Amino acid sequence: MKGMMLVTLLLFVVSGLHAFSSGPPPYVCDNMTPNHPGSGQTAANPYTLTFSKSTYGPNEEIQVTLSGSQNFKGFLIQPRKEGTTSTTTYGKITPDDNVNTANPCTDGKTALGHKNDADRSSASFRWTAPGSDVGNIVFLFTVVKSQTVYWVKQESATLTFDSSQPTQQPTAAPPTTPSTEPPLQDSINADPGCGTTLSCFPSSCTTNCDYLVMWREEGTSEVEFTLKRKIQADNYYIAIGFSNDLQMGDDSVSMCVTMDGVVNVQSSYNNKGIRQNLVLDIVSIVS
């Protein structure tokens, strides 16, 4: 290949939320902080979470609604224990709208976020409480009105445990048909052609790699890239950036983003000076 191409891999090693119109990426599920221009608003929050009742019993289902005096584009909501810094979540969330909302978090976290950046006036879901008293519960929520106007980690009213409530049996899941889909990729080995017919990164890994990037020249004007990464959940992404220097910004980026079984292959652009991806093109494939 003539000239020099600098390649930067973007994996789950950075904190903060890039401007993903397809929803919050899993790596922001702990701090719930968008990495948009500016910082979170300190003015009064125009959005609130309302509950169908103020207490919870074992396995009880409670309706929750996020709404406000202004429309919003994005959000992330998590039920946590009141008065702690722990990121542990409690109970189960069932969205009322499976098309526009989903759980973006992995590692068993309970959460709900947006799946697109359409204007919305509200978002609602059902929260199923834990099967026993886990203490007072609050819902933390981040709401994005626009690229530069957002409120971070706001706190709902408190839900307290009601010991007089009888234990309710969790709703049984419908029977499932065994999947004929291939299993998720859990082992990545370097191609035998690495170092000869292929260029590979990282060159030091040959078996059970966490990720692998391979490329080869196709003729005199094209380069074919293959990106692989180990996955342990349905929601993940891997991205590669092309730059003329060693700094992120003013770069072309190609990404593979999977959210709830929908695979998006995206081309985007890293704006210079702010950590934000401008999505230029998306091709979706339902897996």
C-alpha atoms as a PDB file:
ATOM      1  CA  MET A   1       0.000   0.000   0.000  1.00  0.00           C
ATOM      2  CA  LYS A   2       1.471   3.344  -0.984  1.00  0.00           C
ATOM      3  CA  GLY A   3       1.719   6.066   1.625  1.00  0.00           C
ATOM      4  CA  MET A   4       0.803   5.554   5.268  1.00  0.00           C
ATOM      5  CA  MET A   5      -2.554   4.729   6.826  1.00  0.00           C
ATOM      6  CA  LEU A   6      -2.960   5.144  10.558  1.00  0.00           C
ATOM      7  CA  VAL A   7      -5.678   2.989  12.069  1.00  0.00           C
ATOM      8  CA  THR A   8      -7.316   3.637  15.433  1.00  0.00           C
ATOM      9  CA  LEU A   9      -9.496   0.957  17.040  1.00  0.00           C
ATOM     10  CA  LEU A  10     -12.460   2.103  19.104  1.00  0.00           C
ATOM     11  CA  LEU A  11     -13.507  -0.564  21.621  1.00  0.00           C
ATOM     12  CA  PHE A  12     -15.145  -0.431  25.060  1.00  0.00           C
ATOM     13  CA  VAL A  13     -12.199   1.338  26.665  1.00  0.00           C
ATOM     14  CA  VAL A  14     -13.434   4.933  26.741  1.00  0.00           C
ATOM     15  CA  SER A  15     -15.906   6.553  29.105  1.00  0.00           C
ATOM     16  CA  GLY A  16     -18.780   8.822  28.168  1.00  0.00           C
ATOM     17  CA  LEU A  17     -21.437   8.638  25.507  1.00  0.00           C
ATOM     18  CA  HIS A  18     -20.842   9.507  21.876  1.00  0.00           C
ATOM     19  CA  ALA A  19     -23.775  10.892  19.961  1.00  0.00           C
ATOM     20  CA  PHE A  20     -25.336   7.555  19.025  1.00  0.00           C
ATOM     21  CA  SER A  21     -28.744   8.210  17.507  1.00  0.00           C
ATOM     22  CA  SER A  22     -29.411   4.456  17.694  1.00  0.00           C
ATOM     23  CA  GLY A  23     -29.266   4.521  21.499  1.00  0.00           C
ATOM     24  CA  PRO A  24     -26.814   4.771  24.398  1.00  0.00           C
ATOM     25  CA  PRO A  25     -23.843   2.398  23.997  1.00  0.00           C
ATOM     26  CA  PRO A  26     -23.403  -0.135  26.827  1.00  0.00           C
ATOM     27  CA  TYR A  27     -20.254   1.457  28.206  1.00  0.00           C
ATOM     28  CA  VAL A  28     -22.176   4.488  29.569  1.00  0.00           C
ATOM     29  CA  CYS A  29     -24.493   2.394  31.709  1.00  0.00           C
ATOM     30  CA  ASP A  30     -22.536   3.091  34.905  1.00  0.00           C
ATOM     31  CA  ASN A  31     -21.981   6.857  34.765  1.00  0.00           C
ATOM     32  CA  MET A  32     -25.049   7.617  32.575  1.00  0.00           C
ATOM     33  CA  THR A  33     -23.220  10.663  31.194  1.00  0.00           C
ATOM     34  CA  PRO A  34     -23.548  11.709  27.527  1.00  0.00           C
ATOM     35  CA  ASN A  35     -20.302  12.786  25.922  1.00  0.00           C
ATOM     36  CA  HIS A  36     -21.993  15.579  23.997  1.00  0.00           C
ATOM     37  CA  PRO A  37     -20.617  19.105  23.605  1.00  0.00           C
ATOM     38  CA  GLY A  38     -20.849  21.135  26.789  1.00  0.00           C
ATOM     39  CA  SER A  39     -21.918  19.701  30.135  1.00  0.00           C
ATOM     40  CA  GLY A  40     -25.099  18.662  31.908  1.00  0.00           C
ATOM     41  CA  GLN A  41     -27.661  21.333  32.658  1.00  0.00           C
ATOM     42  CA  THR A  42     -27.776  22.901  36.120  1.00  0.00           C
ATOM     43  CA  ALA A  43     -31.090  24.652  35.460  1.00  0.00           C
ATOM     44  CA  ALA A  44     -34.298  23.089  36.758  1.00  0.00           C
ATOM     45  CA  ASN A  45     -35.008  19.732  35.139  1.00  0.00           C
ATOM     46  CA  PRO A  46     -38.284  19.907  33.132  1.00  0.00           C
ATOM     47  CA  TYR A  47     -38.638  16.110  33.105  1.00  0.00           C
ATOM     48  CA  THR A  48     -40.004  13.771  35.781  1.00  0.00           C
ATOM     49  CA  LEU A  49     -40.635  10.084  36.351  1.00  0.00           C
ATOM     50  CA  THR A  50     -44.093   9.213  37.660  1.00  0.00           C
ATOM     51  CA  PHE A  51     -45.187   5.881  39.154  1.00  0.00           C
ATOM     52  CA  SER A  52     -48.543   4.137  39.367  1.00  0.00           C
ATOM     53  CA  LYS A  53     -47.894   3.778  43.122  1.00  0.00           C
ATOM     54  CA  SER A  54     -45.253   4.839  45.649  1.00  0.00           C
ATOM     55  CA  THR A  55     -44.516   1.425  47.204  1.00  0.00           C
ATOM     56  CA  TYR A  56     -43.554  -1.980  45.865  1.00  0.00           C
ATOM     57  CA  GLY A  57     -44.232  -5.544  46.964  1.00  0.00           C
ATOM     58  CA  PRO A  58     -42.490  -8.801  46.007  1.00  0.00           C
ATOM     59  CA  ASN A  59     -42.556  -9.208  42.189  1.00  0.00           C
ATOM     60  CA  GLU A  60     -45.139  -6.425  41.915  1.00  0.00           C
ATOM     61  CA  GLU A  61     -45.516  -4.699  38.544  1.00  0.00           C
ATOM     62  CA  ILE A  62     -45.526  -0.878  38.575  1.00  0.00           C
ATOM     63  CA  GLN A  63     -46.142   1.452  35.630  1.00  0.00           C
ATOM     64  CA  VAL A  64     -43.458   4.132  35.141  1.00  0.00           C
ATOM     65  CA  THR A  65     -43.595   7.123  32.757  1.00  0.00           C
ATOM     66  CA  LEU A  66     -40.936   9.654  31.797  1.00  0.00           C
ATOM     67  CA  SER A  67     -42.438  12.939  30.593  1.00  0.00           C
ATOM     68  CA  GLY A  68     -41.991  16.693  30.804  1.00  0.00           C
ATOM     69  CA  SER A  69     -42.985  20.103  29.563  1.00  0.00           C
ATOM     70  CA  GLN A  70     -40.656  19.773  26.542  1.00  0.00           C
ATOM     71  CA  ASN A  71     -40.035  17.017  24.008  1.00  0.00           C
ATOM     72  CA  PHE A  72     -36.789  15.051  24.210  1.00  0.00           C
ATOM     73  CA  LYS A  73     -34.699  12.876  21.884  1.00  0.00           C
ATOM     74  CA  GLY A  74     -32.782  10.485  24.106  1.00  0.00           C
ATOM     75  CA  PHE A  75     -32.831   9.000  27.587  1.00  0.00           C
ATOM     76  CA  LEU A  76     -31.397   6.330  29.863  1.00  0.00           C
ATOM     77  CA  ILE A  77     -33.212   5.063  32.981  1.00  0.00           C
ATOM     78  CA  GLN A  78     -32.048   2.645  35.703  1.00  0.00           C
ATOM     79  CA  PRO A  79     -33.584   1.463  39.012  1.00  0.00           C
ATOM     80  CA  ARG A  80     -30.968   1.605  41.787  1.00  0.00           C
ATOM     81  CA  LYS A  81     -30.872   1.572  45.581  1.00  0.00           C
ATOM     82  CA  GLU A  82     -31.383   4.954  47.211  1.00  0.00           C
ATOM     83  CA  GLY A  83     -28.471   6.636  48.976  1.00  0.00           C
ATOM     84  CA  THR A  84     -25.631   4.563  47.534  1.00  0.00           C
ATOM     85  CA  THR A  85     -23.042   4.997  44.798  1.00  0.00           C
ATOM     86  CA  SER A  86     -23.445   1.384  43.694  1.00  0.00           C
ATOM     87  CA  THR A  87     -24.344   0.872  40.034  1.00  0.00           C
ATOM     88  CA  THR A  88     -26.274  -2.326  40.823  1.00  0.00           C
ATOM     89  CA  THR A  89     -29.765  -2.293  39.351  1.00  0.00           C
ATOM     90  CA  TYR A  90     -32.901  -3.982  40.697  1.00  0.00           C
ATOM     91  CA  GLY A  91     -35.989  -5.616  39.256  1.00  0.00           C
ATOM     92  CA  LYS A  92     -36.938  -5.992  35.614  1.00  0.00           C
ATOM     93  CA  ILE A  93     -38.072  -3.481  32.993  1.00  0.00           C
ATOM     94  CA  THR A  94     -40.574  -4.349  30.263  1.00  0.00           C
ATOM     95  CA  PRO A  95     -40.919  -1.533  27.690  1.00  0.00           C
ATOM     96  CA  ASP A  96     -44.362  -0.494  26.482  1.00  0.00           C
ATOM     97  CA  ASP A  97     -42.748   0.358  23.127  1.00  0.00           C
ATOM     98  CA  ASN A  98     -40.341  -2.288  21.797  1.00  0.00           C
ATOM     99  CA  VAL A  99     -39.819  -0.435  18.525  1.00  0.00           C
ATOM    100  CA  ASN A 100     -38.369   2.821  19.846  1.00  0.00           C
ATOM    101  CA  THR A 101     -36.993   1.775  23.254  1.00  0.00           C
ATOM    102  CA  ALA A 102     -34.762  -1.046  24.518  1.00  0.00           C
ATOM    103  CA  ASN A 103     -32.272  -2.026  27.211  1.00  0.00           C
ATOM    104  CA  PRO A 104     -28.856  -0.820  25.983  1.00  0.00           C
ATOM    105  CA  CYS A 105     -26.935  -2.265  28.938  1.00  0.00           C
ATOM    106  CA  THR A 106     -25.133  -5.584  29.277  1.00  0.00           C
ATOM    107  CA  ASP A 107     -23.895  -7.655  32.232  1.00  0.00           C
ATOM    108  CA  GLY A 108     -27.450  -8.192  33.451  1.00  0.00           C
ATOM    109  CA  LYS A 109     -28.171  -4.530  34.205  1.00  0.00           C
ATOM    110  CA  THR A 110     -31.807  -3.413  34.206  1.00  0.00           C
ATOM    111  CA  ALA A 111     -32.276  -0.261  32.126  1.00  0.00           C
ATOM    112  CA  LEU A 112     -34.237   1.402  29.338  1.00  0.00           C
ATOM    113  CA  GLY A 113     -33.024   3.784  26.640  1.00  0.00           C
ATOM    114  CA  HIS A 114     -33.946   5.200  23.245  1.00  0.00           C
ATOM    115  CA  LYS A 115     -33.338   3.370  19.949  1.00  0.00           C
ATOM    116  CA  ASN A 116     -33.571   6.444  17.711  1.00  0.00           C
ATOM    117  CA  ASP A 117     -33.377  10.219  18.085  1.00  0.00           C
ATOM    118  CA  ALA A 118     -36.983  10.986  17.152  1.00  0.00           C
ATOM    119  CA  ASP A 119     -38.689  13.708  19.176  1.00  0.00           C
ATOM    120  CA  ARG A 120     -40.889  12.186  21.877  1.00  0.00           C
ATOM    121  CA  SER A 121     -43.076  13.607  24.621  1.00  0.00           C
ATOM    122  CA  SER A 122     -42.923  10.575  26.911  1.00  0.00           C
ATOM    123  CA  ALA A 123     -41.589   7.044  27.389  1.00  0.00           C
ATOM    124  CA  SER A 124     -43.299   4.432  29.553  1.00  0.00           C
ATOM    125  CA  PHE A 125     -42.558   0.949  30.814  1.00  0.00           C
ATOM    126  CA  ARG A 126     -43.497  -1.601  33.465  1.00  0.00           C
ATOM    127  CA  TRP A 127     -41.078  -2.287  36.295  1.00  0.00           C
ATOM    128  CA  THR A 128     -41.295  -5.662  38.029  1.00  0.00           C
ATOM    129  CA  ALA A 129     -39.978  -5.355  41.574  1.00  0.00           C
ATOM    130  CA  PRO A 130     -37.523  -7.852  43.099  1.00  0.00           C
ATOM    131  CA  GLY A 131     -38.951 -10.834  44.954  1.00  0.00           C
ATOM    132  CA  SER A 132     -37.941  -9.468  48.364  1.00  0.00           C
ATOM    133  CA  ASP A 133     -37.223  -6.239  50.228  1.00  0.00           C
ATOM    134  CA  VAL A 134     -34.029  -4.696  48.820  1.00  0.00           C
ATOM    135  CA  GLY A 135     -34.499  -1.314  50.502  1.00  0.00           C
ATOM    136  CA  ASN A 136     -35.648   1.988  49.050  1.00  0.00           C
ATOM    137  CA  ILE A 137     -35.489   2.205  45.254  1.00  0.00           C
ATOM    138  CA  VAL A 138     -34.995   5.312  43.112  1.00  0.00           C
ATOM    139  CA  PHE A 139     -34.836   5.523  39.333  1.00  0.00           C
ATOM    140  CA  LEU A 140     -31.873   7.492  37.988  1.00  0.00           C
ATOM    141  CA  PHE A 141     -32.453   9.029  34.569  1.00  0.00           C
ATOM    142  CA  THR A 142     -30.547  11.036  31.981  1.00  0.00           C
ATOM    143  CA  VAL A 143     -32.578  12.984  29.413  1.00  0.00           C
ATOM    144  CA  VAL A 144     -31.249  14.532  26.186  1.00  0.00           C
ATOM    145  CA  LYS A 145     -33.320  17.361  24.743  1.00  0.00           C
ATOM    146  CA  SER A 146     -30.766  18.235  22.052  1.00  0.00           C
ATOM    147  CA  GLN A 147     -27.084  17.750  21.274  1.00  0.00           C
ATOM    148  CA  THR A 148     -26.030  20.418  23.770  1.00  0.00           C
ATOM    149  CA  VAL A 149     -28.959  20.447  26.215  1.00  0.00           C
ATOM    150  CA  TYR A 150     -29.251  17.464  28.547  1.00  0.00           C
ATOM    151  CA  TRP A 151     -29.756  16.563  32.219  1.00  0.00           C
ATOM    152  CA  VAL A 152     -27.582  13.850  33.756  1.00  0.00           C
ATOM    153  CA  LYS A 153     -28.398  11.256  36.428  1.00  0.00           C
ATOM    154  CA  GLN A 154     -31.539  12.877  37.767  1.00  0.00           C
ATOM    155  CA  GLU A 155     -33.305  11.113  40.640  1.00  0.00           C
ATOM    156  CA  SER A 156     -36.945  10.067  40.874  1.00  0.00           C
ATOM    157  CA  ALA A 157     -39.160   9.929  43.926  1.00  0.00           C
ATOM    158  CA  THR A 158     -38.500   7.009  46.272  1.00  0.00           C
ATOM    159  CA  LEU A 159     -40.255   3.655  46.105  1.00  0.00           C
ATOM    160  CA  THR A 160     -40.443   1.978  49.527  1.00  0.00           C
ATOM    161  CA  PHE A 161     -41.099  -1.681  50.276  1.00  0.00           C
ATOM    162  CA  ASP A 162     -44.610  -2.590  51.457  1.00  0.00           C
ATOM    163  CA  SER A 163     -44.374  -5.707  53.623  1.00  0.00           C
ATOM    164  CA  SER A 164     -48.164  -6.095  53.648  1.00  0.00           C
ATOM    165  CA  GLN A 165     -48.235  -6.879  49.926  1.00  0.00           C
ATOM    166  CA  PRO A 166     -48.613 -10.601  49.130  1.00  0.00           C
ATOM    167  CA  THR A 167     -45.875 -12.163  47.045  1.00  0.00           C
ATOM    168  CA  GLN A 168     -46.826 -12.180  43.377  1.00  0.00           C
ATOM    169  CA  GLN A 169     -45.613 -14.851  41.025  1.00  0.00           C
ATOM    170  CA  PRO A 170     -43.441 -13.499  38.193  1.00  0.00           C
ATOM    171  CA  THR A 171     -45.070 -13.621  34.773  1.00  0.00           C
ATOM    172  CA  ALA A 172     -44.004 -16.811  33.051  1.00  0.00           C
ATOM    173  CA  ALA A 173     -42.060 -16.344  29.852  1.00  0.00           C
ATOM    174  CA  PRO A 174     -43.661 -17.827  26.723  1.00  0.00           C
ATOM    175  CA  PRO A 175     -42.129 -21.082  25.451  1.00  0.00           C
ATOM    176  CA  THR A 176     -39.320 -20.544  23.013  1.00  0.00           C
ATOM    177  CA  THR A 177     -38.350 -22.430  19.901  1.00  0.00           C
ATOM    178  CA  PRO A 178     -34.748 -23.602  19.875  1.00  0.00           C
ATOM    179  CA  SER A 179     -32.673 -21.199  17.840  1.00  0.00           C
ATOM    180  CA  THR A 180     -31.149 -22.315  14.560  1.00  0.00           C
ATOM    181  CA  GLU A 181     -28.920 -19.241  14.460  1.00  0.00           C
ATOM    182  CA  PRO A 182     -25.159 -19.759  14.771  1.00  0.00           C
ATOM    183  CA  PRO A 183     -23.801 -19.113  18.293  1.00  0.00           C
ATOM    184  CA  LEU A 184     -22.295 -15.745  19.202  1.00  0.00           C
ATOM    185  CA  GLN A 185     -18.623 -15.455  18.358  1.00  0.00           C
ATOM    186  CA  ASP A 186     -16.726 -16.397  21.530  1.00  0.00           C
ATOM    187  CA  SER A 187     -13.338 -17.354  20.097  1.00  0.00           C
ATOM    188  CA  ILE A 188     -11.236 -15.380  17.635  1.00  0.00           C
ATOM    189  CA  ASN A 189      -8.056 -16.793  16.139  1.00  0.00           C
ATOM    190  CA  ALA A 190      -5.636 -15.082  13.791  1.00  0.00           C
ATOM    191  CA  ASP A 191      -5.828 -16.023  10.120  1.00  0.00           C
ATOM    192  CA  PRO A 192      -2.946 -18.243   8.908  1.00  0.00           C
ATOM    193  CA  GLY A 193      -2.208 -15.529   6.350  1.00  0.00           C
ATOM    194  CA  CYS A 194      -1.397 -12.897   8.997  1.00  0.00           C
ATOM    195  CA  GLY A 195       2.040 -11.477   8.322  1.00  0.00           C
ATOM    196  CA  THR A 196       2.182 -12.815   4.772  1.00  0.00           C
ATOM    197  CA  THR A 197      -0.911 -12.283   2.624  1.00  0.00           C
ATOM    198  CA  LEU A 198      -2.687 -10.263   5.344  1.00  0.00           C
ATOM    199  CA  SER A 199      -1.812  -7.453   7.716  1.00  0.00           C
ATOM    200  CA  CYS A 200      -3.234  -8.113  11.194  1.00  0.00           C
ATOM    201  CA  PHE A 201      -3.684  -6.159  14.413  1.00  0.00           C
ATOM    202  CA  PRO A 202      -2.797  -6.964  17.120  1.00  0.00           C
ATOM    203  CA  SER A 203       0.042  -8.910  15.561  1.00  0.00           C
ATOM    204  CA  SER A 204       0.964 -10.436  18.933  1.00  0.00           C
ATOM    205  CA  CYS A 205      -2.310 -12.366  19.290  1.00  0.00           C
ATOM    206  CA  THR A 206      -2.740 -15.691  17.498  1.00  0.00           C
ATOM    207  CA  THR A 207      -5.468 -17.525  19.474  1.00  0.00           C
ATOM    208  CA  ASN A 208      -8.473 -16.522  21.596  1.00  0.00           C
ATOM    209  CA  CYS A 209      -8.064 -12.826  20.778  1.00  0.00           C
ATOM    210  CA  ASP A 210     -10.450 -10.252  22.249  1.00  0.00           C
ATOM    211  CA  TYR A 211     -10.567  -8.518  18.872  1.00  0.00           C
ATOM    212  CA  LEU A 212      -8.842  -8.718  15.510  1.00  0.00           C
ATOM    213  CA  VAL A 213      -8.474  -6.396  12.518  1.00  0.00           C
ATOM    214  CA  MET A 214      -7.203  -7.772   9.204  1.00  0.00           C
ATOM    215  CA  TRP A 215      -6.653  -6.019   5.894  1.00  0.00           C
ATOM    216  CA  ARG A 216      -5.289  -6.742   2.445  1.00  0.00           C
ATOM    217  CA  GLU A 217      -4.813  -4.780  -0.752  1.00  0.00           C
ATOM    218  CA  GLU A 218      -7.295  -5.468  -3.550  1.00  0.00           C
ATOM    219  CA  GLY A 219      -5.703  -4.214  -6.758  1.00  0.00           C
ATOM    220  CA  THR A 220      -4.068  -0.788  -6.743  1.00  0.00           C
ATOM    221  CA  SER A 221      -6.852   1.348  -5.299  1.00  0.00           C
ATOM    222  CA  GLU A 222      -8.803  -0.723  -2.766  1.00  0.00           C
ATOM    223  CA  VAL A 223      -8.145  -2.231   0.656  1.00  0.00           C
ATOM    224  CA  GLU A 224     -10.430  -4.883   2.165  1.00  0.00           C
ATOM    225  CA  PHE A 225     -10.848  -4.799   5.965  1.00  0.00           C
ATOM    226  CA  THR A 226     -12.246  -7.460   8.288  1.00  0.00           C
ATOM    227  CA  LEU A 227     -13.116  -6.592  11.903  1.00  0.00           C
ATOM    228  CA  LYS A 228     -13.878  -9.170  14.587  1.00  0.00           C
ATOM    229  CA  ARG A 229     -14.455  -8.868  18.318  1.00  0.00           C
ATOM    230  CA  LYS A 230     -15.418 -11.246  21.070  1.00  0.00           C
ATOM    231  CA  ILE A 231     -19.005 -10.732  22.254  1.00  0.00           C
ATOM    232  CA  GLN A 232     -20.905 -11.936  25.320  1.00  0.00           C
ATOM    233  CA  ALA A 233     -24.242 -10.201  24.776  1.00  0.00           C
ATOM    234  CA  ASP A 234     -26.596  -9.043  22.018  1.00  0.00           C
ATOM    235  CA  ASN A 235     -25.638  -5.345  22.286  1.00  0.00           C
ATOM    236  CA  TYR A 236     -22.116  -4.372  21.257  1.00  0.00           C
ATOM    237  CA  TYR A 237     -20.069  -2.469  18.718  1.00  0.00           C
ATOM    238  CA  ILE A 238     -16.662  -2.355  17.092  1.00  0.00           C
ATOM    239  CA  ALA A 239     -15.306   0.562  15.078  1.00  0.00           C
ATOM    240  CA  ILE A 240     -12.239   1.498  13.083  1.00  0.00           C
ATOM    241  CA  GLY A 241     -11.059   5.024  12.300  1.00  0.00           C
ATOM    242  CA  PHE A 242      -8.809   6.286   9.502  1.00  0.00           C
ATOM    243  CA  SER A 243      -6.630   9.255  10.304  1.00  0.00           C
ATOM    244  CA  ASN A 244      -3.600  11.183   8.987  1.00  0.00           C
ATOM    245  CA  ASP A 245      -2.289  11.619  12.557  1.00  0.00           C
ATOM    246  CA  LEU A 246      -2.371   9.925  15.941  1.00  0.00           C
ATOM    247  CA  GLN A 247      -5.223  12.054  17.299  1.00  0.00           C
ATOM    248  CA  MET A 248      -8.946  11.361  17.166  1.00  0.00           C
ATOM    249  CA  GLY A 249     -10.886  14.072  15.316  1.00  0.00           C
ATOM    250  CA  ASP A 250     -11.419  14.963  11.658  1.00  0.00           C
ATOM    251  CA  ASP A 251     -11.439  11.235  10.818  1.00  0.00           C
ATOM    252  CA  SER A 252     -13.551   8.772   8.853  1.00  0.00           C
ATOM    253  CA  VAL A 253     -14.973   5.912  10.955  1.00  0.00           C
ATOM    254  CA  SER A 254     -16.644   2.614  10.033  1.00  0.00           C
ATOM    255  CA  MET A 255     -18.697   0.867  12.729  1.00  0.00           C
ATOM    256  CA  CYS A 256     -20.610  -2.346  13.264  1.00  0.00           C
ATOM    257  CA  VAL A 257     -23.272  -1.746  15.936  1.00  0.00           C
ATOM    258  CA  THR A 258     -25.718  -4.407  17.130  1.00  0.00           C
ATOM    259  CA  MET A 259     -28.731  -3.458  19.258  1.00  0.00           C
ATOM    260  CA  ASP A 260     -31.438  -6.017  20.105  1.00  0.00           C
ATOM    261  CA  GLY A 261     -30.686  -8.241  17.134  1.00  0.00           C
ATOM    262  CA  VAL A 262     -30.489  -5.435  14.569  1.00  0.00           C
ATOM    263  CA  VAL A 263     -27.047  -5.066  13.017  1.00  0.00           C
ATOM    264  CA  ASN A 264     -26.193  -1.573  11.780  1.00  0.00           C
ATOM    265  CA  VAL A 265     -23.168  -1.074   9.564  1.00  0.00           C
ATOM    266  CA  GLN A 266     -22.449   2.643   9.826  1.00  0.00           C
ATOM    267  CA  SER A 267     -20.072   5.092   8.241  1.00  0.00           C
ATOM    268  CA  SER A 268     -19.473   8.199  10.292  1.00  0.00           C
ATOM    269  CA  TYR A 269     -17.211  11.182  10.829  1.00  0.00           C
ATOM    270  CA  ASN A 270     -15.379  12.177  14.023  1.00  0.00           C
ATOM    271  CA  ASN A 271     -15.808  15.897  14.498  1.00  0.00           C
ATOM    272  CA  LYS A 272     -12.583  17.709  15.312  1.00  0.00           C
ATOM    273  CA  GLY A 273     -12.342  19.174  18.808  1.00  0.00           C
ATOM    274  CA  ILE A 274     -15.381  17.370  20.287  1.00  0.00           C
ATOM    275  CA  ARG A 275     -15.866  13.681  20.979  1.00  0.00           C
ATOM    276  CA  GLN A 276     -18.834  13.123  18.734  1.00  0.00           C
ATOM    277  CA  ASN A 277     -19.600  10.873  15.770  1.00  0.00           C
ATOM    278  CA  LEU A 278     -21.698  12.256  12.934  1.00  0.00           C
ATOM    279  CA  VAL A 279     -23.397   9.263  11.308  1.00  0.00           C
ATOM    280  CA  LEU A 280     -23.320   9.574   7.525  1.00  0.00           C
ATOM    281  CA  ASP A 281     -24.866   6.321   6.340  1.00  0.00           C
ATOM    282  CA  ILE A 282     -26.529   3.252   7.923  1.00  0.00           C
ATOM    283  CA  VAL A 283     -27.284  -0.176   6.498  1.00  0.00           C
ATOM    284  CA  SER A 284     -29.436  -2.335   8.824  1.00  0.00           C
ATOM    285  CA  ILE A 285     -29.529  -6.118   8.764  1.00  0.00           C
ATOM    286  CA  VAL A 286     -31.967  -8.033  11.023  1.00  0.00           C
ATOM    287  CA  SER A 287     -30.148 -11.055  12.376  1.00  0.00           C
END
